[in-house]
């Protein structure tokens, strides 16, 4: 058997829970352009694969920006976290 206090606290919690969640909405994805980093200079094989892929993904994801960061044996592009 439940006490009156337990029943009242449950009802109060159930009644107030919708008020707590009214302001939370999901953000639209992506909220900014997607950066596709190719760790090799432009004009190479990797660049020729990345550009058609970005065109196909543009319909589903929105703007896709390709950045070619070459140099240092591709270590510069693979470790960039801008």
PDB file of N, CA and C in Angstrom:
ATOM      1  N   UNK A   1       0.840  -1.178   0.000  1.00  0.00           N
ATOM      2  CA  UNK A   1       0.000   0.000   0.000  1.00  0.00           C
ATOM      3  C   UNK A   1       0.889   1.247   0.000  1.00  0.00           C
ATOM      4  N   UNK A   2       0.548   2.178  -0.806  1.00  0.00           N
ATOM      5  CA  UNK A   2       1.339   3.407  -0.921  1.00  0.00           C
ATOM      6  C   UNK A   2       0.776   4.476   0.003  1.00  0.00           C
ATOM      7  N   UNK A   3       1.684   5.274   0.517  1.00  0.00           N
ATOM      8  CA  UNK A   3       1.223   6.357   1.379  1.00  0.00           C
ATOM      9  C   UNK A   3       0.707   7.522   0.534  1.00  0.00           C
ATOM     10  N   UNK A   4      -0.010   8.379   1.158  1.00  0.00           N
ATOM     11  CA  UNK A   4      -0.588   9.537   0.472  1.00  0.00           C
ATOM     12  C   UNK A   4       0.512  10.446  -0.066  1.00  0.00           C
ATOM     13  N   UNK A   5       1.588  10.579   0.676  1.00  0.00           N
ATOM     14  CA  UNK A   5       2.706  11.428   0.270  1.00  0.00           C
ATOM     15  C   UNK A   5       3.373  10.889  -0.990  1.00  0.00           C
ATOM     16  N   UNK A   6       3.544   9.578  -1.103  1.00  0.00           N
ATOM     17  CA  UNK A   6       4.152   8.982  -2.294  1.00  0.00           C
ATOM     18  C   UNK A   6       3.278   9.191  -3.523  1.00  0.00           C
ATOM     19  N   UNK A   7       1.973   9.025  -3.355  1.00  0.00           N
ATOM     20  CA  UNK A   7       1.052   9.208  -4.479  1.00  0.00           C
ATOM     21  C   UNK A   7       1.046  10.663  -4.931  1.00  0.00           C
ATOM     22  N   UNK A   8       1.000  11.593  -3.999  1.00  0.00           N
ATOM     23  CA  UNK A   8       0.993  13.013  -4.353  1.00  0.00           C
ATOM     24  C   UNK A   8       2.306  13.446  -5.006  1.00  0.00           C
ATOM     25  N   UNK A   9       3.420  12.939  -4.526  1.00  0.00           N
ATOM     26  CA  UNK A   9       4.702  13.320  -5.141  1.00  0.00           C
ATOM     27  C   UNK A   9       4.826  12.728  -6.544  1.00  0.00           C
ATOM     28  N   UNK A  10       4.293  11.533  -6.753  1.00  0.00           N
ATOM     29  CA  UNK A  10       4.297  10.948  -8.094  1.00  0.00           C
ATOM     30  C   UNK A  10       3.435  11.774  -9.047  1.00  0.00           C
ATOM     31  N   UNK A  11       2.246  12.155  -8.610  1.00  0.00           N
ATOM     32  CA  UNK A  11       1.356  12.953  -9.457  1.00  0.00           C
ATOM     33  C   UNK A  11       1.944  14.324  -9.758  1.00  0.00           C
ATOM     34  N   UNK A  12       2.573  14.935  -8.781  1.00  0.00           N
ATOM     35  CA  UNK A  12       3.205  16.234  -8.994  1.00  0.00           C
ATOM     36  C   UNK A  12       4.372  16.123  -9.976  1.00  0.00           C
ATOM     37  N   UNK A  13       5.153  15.072  -9.851  1.00  0.00           N
ATOM     38  CA  UNK A  13       6.267  14.860 -10.781  1.00  0.00           C
ATOM     39  C   UNK A  13       5.796  14.568 -12.187  1.00  0.00           C
ATOM     40  N   UNK A  14       4.733  13.777 -12.323  1.00  0.00           N
ATOM     41  CA  UNK A  14       4.193  13.454 -13.644  1.00  0.00           C
ATOM     42  C   UNK A  14       3.571  14.680 -14.296  1.00  0.00           C
ATOM     43  N   UNK A  15       2.962  15.551 -13.516  1.00  0.00           N
ATOM     44  CA  UNK A  15       2.333  16.747 -14.069  1.00  0.00           C
ATOM     45  C   UNK A  15       3.361  17.794 -14.489  1.00  0.00           C
ATOM     46  N   UNK A  16       4.484  17.850 -13.786  1.00  0.00           N
ATOM     47  CA  UNK A  16       5.473  18.895 -14.095  1.00  0.00           C
ATOM     48  C   UNK A  16       6.511  18.460 -15.123  1.00  0.00           C
ATOM     49  N   UNK A  17       6.618  17.192 -15.448  1.00  0.00           N
ATOM     50  CA  UNK A  17       7.652  16.744 -16.382  1.00  0.00           C
ATOM     51  C   UNK A  17       7.485  17.286 -17.797  1.00  0.00           C
ATOM     52  N   UNK A  18       6.270  17.435 -18.373  1.00  0.00           N
ATOM     53  CA  UNK A  18       6.190  18.020 -19.716  1.00  0.00           C
ATOM     54  C   UNK A  18       6.680  19.467 -19.763  1.00  0.00           C
ATOM     55  N   UNK A  19       6.550  20.205 -18.685  1.00  0.00           N
ATOM     56  CA  UNK A  19       7.002  21.594 -18.662  1.00  0.00           C
ATOM     57  C   UNK A  19       8.518  21.693 -18.738  1.00  0.00           C
ATOM     58  N   UNK A  20       9.218  20.684 -18.291  1.00  0.00           N
ATOM     59  CA  UNK A  20      10.682  20.708 -18.300  1.00  0.00           C
ATOM     60  C   UNK A  20      11.256  20.474 -19.690  1.00  0.00           C
ATOM     61  N   UNK A  21      10.534  19.793 -20.552  1.00  0.00           N
ATOM     62  CA  UNK A  21      11.084  19.383 -21.830  1.00  0.00           C
ATOM     63  C   UNK A  21      10.534  20.162 -23.025  1.00  0.00           C
ATOM     64  N   UNK A  22       9.824  21.227 -22.824  1.00  0.00           N
ATOM     65  CA  UNK A  22       9.236  21.943 -23.949  1.00  0.00           C
ATOM     66  C   UNK A  22      10.272  22.701 -24.770  1.00  0.00           C
ATOM     67  N   UNK A  23      11.359  23.166 -24.178  1.00  0.00           N
ATOM     68  CA  UNK A  23      12.334  23.980 -24.891  1.00  0.00           C
ATOM     69  C   UNK A  23      13.419  23.202 -25.601  1.00  0.00           C
ATOM     70  N   UNK A  24      13.469  21.910 -25.456  1.00  0.00           N
ATOM     71  CA  UNK A  24      14.557  21.157 -26.064  1.00  0.00           C
ATOM     72  C   UNK A  24      14.151  20.660 -27.448  1.00  0.00           C
ATOM     73  N   UNK A  25      14.884  21.114 -28.444  1.00  0.00           N
ATOM     74  CA  UNK A  25      14.654  20.654 -29.816  1.00  0.00           C
ATOM     75  C   UNK A  25      16.003  20.291 -30.430  1.00  0.00           C
ATOM     76  N   UNK A  26      15.970  19.406 -31.377  1.00  0.00           N
ATOM     77  CA  UNK A  26      17.201  18.975 -32.037  1.00  0.00           C
ATOM     78  C   UNK A  26      17.645  20.036 -33.038  1.00  0.00           C
ATOM     79  N   UNK A  27      18.954  20.157 -33.182  1.00  0.00           N
ATOM     80  CA  UNK A  27      19.496  21.075 -34.169  1.00  0.00           C
ATOM     81  C   UNK A  27      19.436  20.424 -35.536  1.00  0.00           C
ATOM     82  N   UNK A  28      19.343  21.245 -36.551  1.00  0.00           N
ATOM     83  CA  UNK A  28      19.374  20.697 -37.898  1.00  0.00           C
ATOM     84  C   UNK A  28      20.806  20.303 -38.228  1.00  0.00           C
ATOM     85  N   UNK A  29      20.964  19.178 -38.872  1.00  0.00           N
ATOM     86  CA  UNK A  29      22.308  18.701 -39.216  1.00  0.00           C
ATOM     87  C   UNK A  29      22.526  18.878 -40.687  1.00  0.00           C
ATOM     88  N   UNK A  30      23.612  19.328 -41.119  1.00  0.00           N
ATOM     89  CA  UNK A  30      24.670  20.023 -40.395  1.00  0.00           C
ATOM     90  C   UNK A  30      24.332  21.497 -40.268  1.00  0.00           C
ATOM     91  N   UNK A  31      24.770  22.099 -39.198  1.00  0.00           N
ATOM     92  CA  UNK A  31      24.484  23.515 -38.973  1.00  0.00           C
ATOM     93  C   UNK A  31      25.502  24.409 -39.679  1.00  0.00           C
ATOM     94  N   UNK A  32      26.576  23.849 -40.172  1.00  0.00           N
ATOM     95  CA  UNK A  32      27.577  24.607 -40.931  1.00  0.00           C
ATOM     96  C   UNK A  32      28.132  23.699 -42.025  1.00  0.00           C
ATOM     97  N   UNK A  33      28.869  24.249 -42.987  1.00  0.00           N
ATOM     98  CA  UNK A  33      29.386  23.419 -44.089  1.00  0.00           C
ATOM     99  C   UNK A  33      30.320  22.312 -43.597  1.00  0.00           C
ATOM    100  N   UNK A  34      30.278  21.181 -44.284  1.00  0.00           N
ATOM    101  CA  UNK A  34      31.143  20.052 -43.954  1.00  0.00           C
ATOM    102  C   UNK A  34      32.479  20.256 -44.649  1.00  0.00           C
ATOM    103  N   UNK A  35      33.567  20.063 -43.917  1.00  0.00           N
ATOM    104  CA  UNK A  35      34.915  20.199 -44.484  1.00  0.00           C
ATOM    105  C   UNK A  35      35.478  18.816 -44.760  1.00  0.00           C
ATOM    106  N   UNK A  36      35.771  18.560 -46.024  1.00  0.00           N
ATOM    107  CA  UNK A  36      36.422  17.316 -46.424  1.00  0.00           C
ATOM    108  C   UNK A  36      37.886  17.641 -46.650  1.00  0.00           C
ATOM    109  N   UNK A  37      38.744  17.141 -45.787  1.00  0.00           N
ATOM    110  CA  UNK A  37      40.176  17.437 -45.872  1.00  0.00           C
ATOM    111  C   UNK A  37      40.867  16.319 -46.629  1.00  0.00           C
ATOM    112  N   UNK A  38      41.522  16.691 -47.728  1.00  0.00           N
ATOM    113  CA  UNK A  38      42.309  15.752 -48.520  1.00  0.00           C
ATOM    114  C   UNK A  38      43.774  16.049 -48.188  1.00  0.00           C
ATOM    115  N   UNK A  39      44.492  15.107 -47.580  1.00  0.00           N
ATOM    116  CA  UNK A  39      45.847  15.399 -47.112  1.00  0.00           C
ATOM    117  C   UNK A  39      46.916  15.336 -48.200  1.00  0.00           C
ATOM    118  N   UNK A  40      46.542  15.626 -49.429  1.00  0.00           N
ATOM    119  CA  UNK A  40      47.481  15.636 -50.547  1.00  0.00           C
ATOM    120  C   UNK A  40      47.230  16.869 -51.400  1.00  0.00           C
ATOM    121  N   UNK A  41      48.194  17.293 -52.192  1.00  0.00           N
ATOM    122  CA  UNK A  41      47.999  18.480 -53.028  1.00  0.00           C
ATOM    123  C   UNK A  41      46.901  18.268 -54.067  1.00  0.00           C
ATOM    124  N   UNK A  42      46.295  19.362 -54.557  1.00  0.00           N
ATOM    125  CA  UNK A  42      45.235  19.220 -55.555  1.00  0.00           C
ATOM    126  C   UNK A  42      45.765  18.673 -56.876  1.00  0.00           C
ATOM    127  N   UNK A  43      44.897  17.975 -57.591  1.00  0.00           N
ATOM    128  CA  UNK A  43      45.249  17.437 -58.891  1.00  0.00           C
ATOM    129  C   UNK A  43      45.695  15.996 -58.881  1.00  0.00           C
ATOM    130  N   UNK A  44      45.824  15.394 -57.732  1.00  0.00           N
ATOM    131  CA  UNK A  44      46.255  14.005 -57.640  1.00  0.00           C
ATOM    132  C   UNK A  44      45.082  13.043 -57.671  1.00  0.00           C
ATOM    133  N   UNK A  45      45.391  11.785 -57.470  1.00  0.00           N
ATOM    134  CA  UNK A  45      44.364  10.744 -57.490  1.00  0.00           C
ATOM    135  C   UNK A  45      43.360  10.951 -56.360  1.00  0.00           C
ATOM    136  N   UNK A  46      43.837  11.313 -55.192  1.00  0.00           N
ATOM    137  CA  UNK A  46      42.927  11.503 -54.055  1.00  0.00           C
ATOM    138  C   UNK A  46      41.957  12.652 -54.305  1.00  0.00           C
ATOM    139  N   UNK A  47      42.426  13.673 -54.960  1.00  0.00           N
ATOM    140  CA  UNK A  47      41.570  14.812 -55.276  1.00  0.00           C
ATOM    141  C   UNK A  47      40.510  14.434 -56.307  1.00  0.00           C
ATOM    142  N   UNK A  48      40.876  13.603 -57.277  1.00  0.00           N
ATOM    143  CA  UNK A  48      39.908  13.184 -58.291  1.00  0.00           C
ATOM    144  C   UNK A  48      38.859  12.247 -57.709  1.00  0.00           C
ATOM    145  N   UNK A  49      39.136  11.600 -56.625  1.00  0.00           N
ATOM    146  CA  UNK A  49      38.129  10.762 -55.958  1.00  0.00           C
ATOM    147  C   UNK A  49      37.257  11.627 -55.042  1.00  0.00           C
ATOM    148  N   UNK A  50      37.852  12.599 -54.382  1.00  0.00           N
ATOM    149  CA  UNK A  50      37.131  13.411 -53.396  1.00  0.00           C
ATOM    150  C   UNK A  50      36.102  14.332 -54.031  1.00  0.00           C
ATOM    151  N   UNK A  51      36.412  14.912 -55.156  1.00  0.00           N
ATOM    152  CA  UNK A  51      35.493  15.889 -55.764  1.00  0.00           C
ATOM    153  C   UNK A  51      34.186  15.266 -56.250  1.00  0.00           C
ATOM    154  N   UNK A  52      34.190  14.150 -56.976  1.00  0.00           N
ATOM    155  CA  UNK A  52      32.889  13.538 -57.323  1.00  0.00           C
ATOM    156  C   UNK A  52      32.110  13.044 -56.102  1.00  0.00           C
ATOM    157  N   UNK A  53      32.832  12.564 -55.090  1.00  0.00           N
ATOM    158  CA  UNK A  53      32.163  12.128 -53.868  1.00  0.00           C
ATOM    159  C   UNK A  53      31.455  13.308 -53.197  1.00  0.00           C
ATOM    160  N   UNK A  54      32.123  14.458 -53.159  1.00  0.00           N
ATOM    161  CA  UNK A  54      31.528  15.645 -52.542  1.00  0.00           C
ATOM    162  C   UNK A  54      30.296  16.102 -53.315  1.00  0.00           C
ATOM    163  N   UNK A  55      30.328  15.981 -54.634  1.00  0.00           N
ATOM    164  CA  UNK A  55      29.158  16.352 -55.441  1.00  0.00           C
ATOM    165  C   UNK A  55      27.962  15.452 -55.135  1.00  0.00           C
ATOM    166  N   UNK A  56      28.202  14.166 -54.966  1.00  0.00           N
ATOM    167  CA  UNK A  56      27.117  13.244 -54.653  1.00  0.00           C
ATOM    168  C   UNK A  56      26.568  13.478 -53.236  1.00  0.00           C
ATOM    169  N   UNK A  57      27.430  13.805 -52.309  1.00  0.00           N
ATOM    170  CA  UNK A  57      27.011  14.012 -50.927  1.00  0.00           C
ATOM    171  C   UNK A  57      26.345  15.363 -50.717  1.00  0.00           C
ATOM    172  N   UNK A  58      26.552  16.294 -51.634  1.00  0.00           N
ATOM    173  CA  UNK A  58      25.969  17.623 -51.499  1.00  0.00           C
ATOM    174  C   UNK A  58      24.443  17.555 -51.453  1.00  0.00           C
ATOM    175  N   UNK A  59      23.834  16.636 -52.193  1.00  0.00           N
ATOM    176  CA  UNK A  59      22.379  16.514 -52.182  1.00  0.00           C
ATOM    177  C   UNK A  59      21.851  16.060 -50.827  1.00  0.00           C
ATOM    178  N   UNK A  60      22.602  15.211 -50.139  1.00  0.00           N
ATOM    179  CA  UNK A  60      22.136  14.664 -48.868  1.00  0.00           C
ATOM    180  C   UNK A  60      22.579  15.486 -47.663  1.00  0.00           C
ATOM    181  N   UNK A  61      23.796  16.040 -47.707  1.00  0.00           N
ATOM    182  CA  UNK A  61      24.362  16.694 -46.535  1.00  0.00           C
ATOM    183  C   UNK A  61      24.384  18.213 -46.598  1.00  0.00           C
ATOM    184  N   UNK A  62      24.242  18.769 -47.770  1.00  0.00           N
ATOM    185  CA  UNK A  62      24.356  20.220 -47.904  1.00  0.00           C
ATOM    186  C   UNK A  62      25.724  20.586 -48.469  1.00  0.00           C
ATOM    187  N   UNK A  63      26.244  21.713 -48.060  1.00  0.00           N
ATOM    188  CA  UNK A  63      27.502  22.215 -48.593  1.00  0.00           C
ATOM    189  C   UNK A  63      28.679  21.386 -48.097  1.00  0.00           C
ATOM    190  N   UNK A  64      29.500  20.920 -49.039  1.00  0.00           N
ATOM    191  CA  UNK A  64      30.716  20.177 -48.715  1.00  0.00           C
ATOM    192  C   UNK A  64      31.888  20.949 -49.297  1.00  0.00           C
ATOM    193  N   UNK A  65      32.794  21.399 -48.440  1.00  0.00           N
ATOM    194  CA  UNK A  65      33.952  22.172 -48.852  1.00  0.00           C
ATOM    195  C   UNK A  65      35.172  21.260 -48.836  1.00  0.00           C
ATOM    196  N   UNK A  66      35.891  21.224 -49.953  1.00  0.00           N
ATOM    197  CA  UNK A  66      37.086  20.381 -50.042  1.00  0.00           C
ATOM    198  C   UNK A  66      38.314  21.242 -49.774  1.00  0.00           C
ATOM    199  N   UNK A  67      39.137  20.791 -48.838  1.00  0.00           N
ATOM    200  CA  UNK A  67      40.376  21.483 -48.518  1.00  0.00           C
ATOM    201  C   UNK A  67      41.538  20.537 -48.785  1.00  0.00           C
ATOM    202  N   UNK A  68      42.414  20.938 -49.691  1.00  0.00           N
ATOM    203  CA  UNK A  68      43.622  20.168 -49.964  1.00  0.00           C
ATOM    204  C   UNK A  68      44.744  20.731 -49.109  1.00  0.00           C
ATOM    205  N   UNK A  69      45.218  19.919 -48.184  1.00  0.00           N
ATOM    206  CA  UNK A  69      46.321  20.327 -47.308  1.00  0.00           C
ATOM    207  C   UNK A  69      47.458  19.350 -47.559  1.00  0.00           C
ATOM    208  N   UNK A  70      48.357  19.719 -48.439  1.00  0.00           N
ATOM    209  CA  UNK A  70      49.472  18.845 -48.784  1.00  0.00           C
ATOM    210  C   UNK A  70      50.740  19.228 -48.045  1.00  0.00           C
ATOM    211  N   UNK A  71      51.693  18.339 -48.084  1.00  0.00           N
ATOM    212  CA  UNK A  71      52.986  18.611 -47.471  1.00  0.00           C
ATOM    213  C   UNK A  71      53.280  17.685 -46.322  1.00  0.00           C
ATOM    214  N   UNK A  72      54.551  17.520 -46.046  1.00  0.00           N
ATOM    215  CA  UNK A  72      55.050  16.698 -44.942  1.00  0.00           C
ATOM    216  C   UNK A  72      54.594  15.256 -45.061  1.00  0.00           C
ATOM    217  N   UNK A  73      54.529  14.748 -46.281  1.00  0.00           N
ATOM    218  CA  UNK A  73      54.126  13.353 -46.486  1.00  0.00           C
ATOM    219  C   UNK A  73      52.713  13.076 -46.026  1.00  0.00           C
ATOM    220  N   UNK A  74      51.823  14.029 -46.196  1.00  0.00           N
ATOM    221  CA  UNK A  74      50.406  14.007 -45.814  1.00  0.00           C
ATOM    222  C   UNK A  74      50.172  14.106 -44.310  1.00  0.00           C
ATOM    223  N   UNK A  75      51.203  14.326 -43.517  1.00  0.00           N
ATOM    224  CA  UNK A  75      51.023  14.466 -42.076  1.00  0.00           C
ATOM    225  C   UNK A  75      50.339  15.773 -41.723  1.00  0.00           C
ATOM    226  N   UNK A  76      50.514  16.807 -42.526  1.00  0.00           N
ATOM    227  CA  UNK A  76      49.881  18.093 -42.245  1.00  0.00           C
ATOM    228  C   UNK A  76      48.367  17.986 -42.346  1.00  0.00           C
ATOM    229  N   UNK A  77      47.875  17.345 -43.378  1.00  0.00           N
ATOM    230  CA  UNK A  77      46.441  17.233 -43.577  1.00  0.00           C
ATOM    231  C   UNK A  77      45.783  16.223 -42.674  1.00  0.00           C
ATOM    232  N   UNK A  78      46.483  15.177 -42.314  1.00  0.00           N
ATOM    233  CA  UNK A  78      45.854  14.148 -41.502  1.00  0.00           C
ATOM    234  C   UNK A  78      45.777  14.550 -40.031  1.00  0.00           C
ATOM    235  N   UNK A  79      46.531  15.535 -39.615  1.00  0.00           N
ATOM    236  CA  UNK A  79      46.486  15.929 -38.218  1.00  0.00           C
ATOM    237  C   UNK A  79      45.888  17.318 -38.018  1.00  0.00           C
ATOM    238  N   UNK A  80      45.289  17.898 -39.051  1.00  0.00           N
ATOM    239  CA  UNK A  80      44.725  19.247 -38.890  1.00  0.00           C
ATOM    240  C   UNK A  80      43.385  19.144 -38.180  1.00  0.00           C
ATOM    241  N   UNK A  81      43.219  19.949 -37.153  1.00  0.00           N
ATOM    242  CA  UNK A  81      41.983  19.971 -36.366  1.00  0.00           C
ATOM    243  C   UNK A  81      41.453  21.381 -36.273  1.00  0.00           C
ATOM    244  N   UNK A  82      41.388  22.070 -37.317  1.00  0.00           N
ATOM    245  CA  UNK A  82      40.929  23.456 -37.280  1.00  0.00           C
ATOM    246  C   UNK A  82      39.474  23.554 -37.040  1.00  0.00           C
TER     247      UNK A  82
END
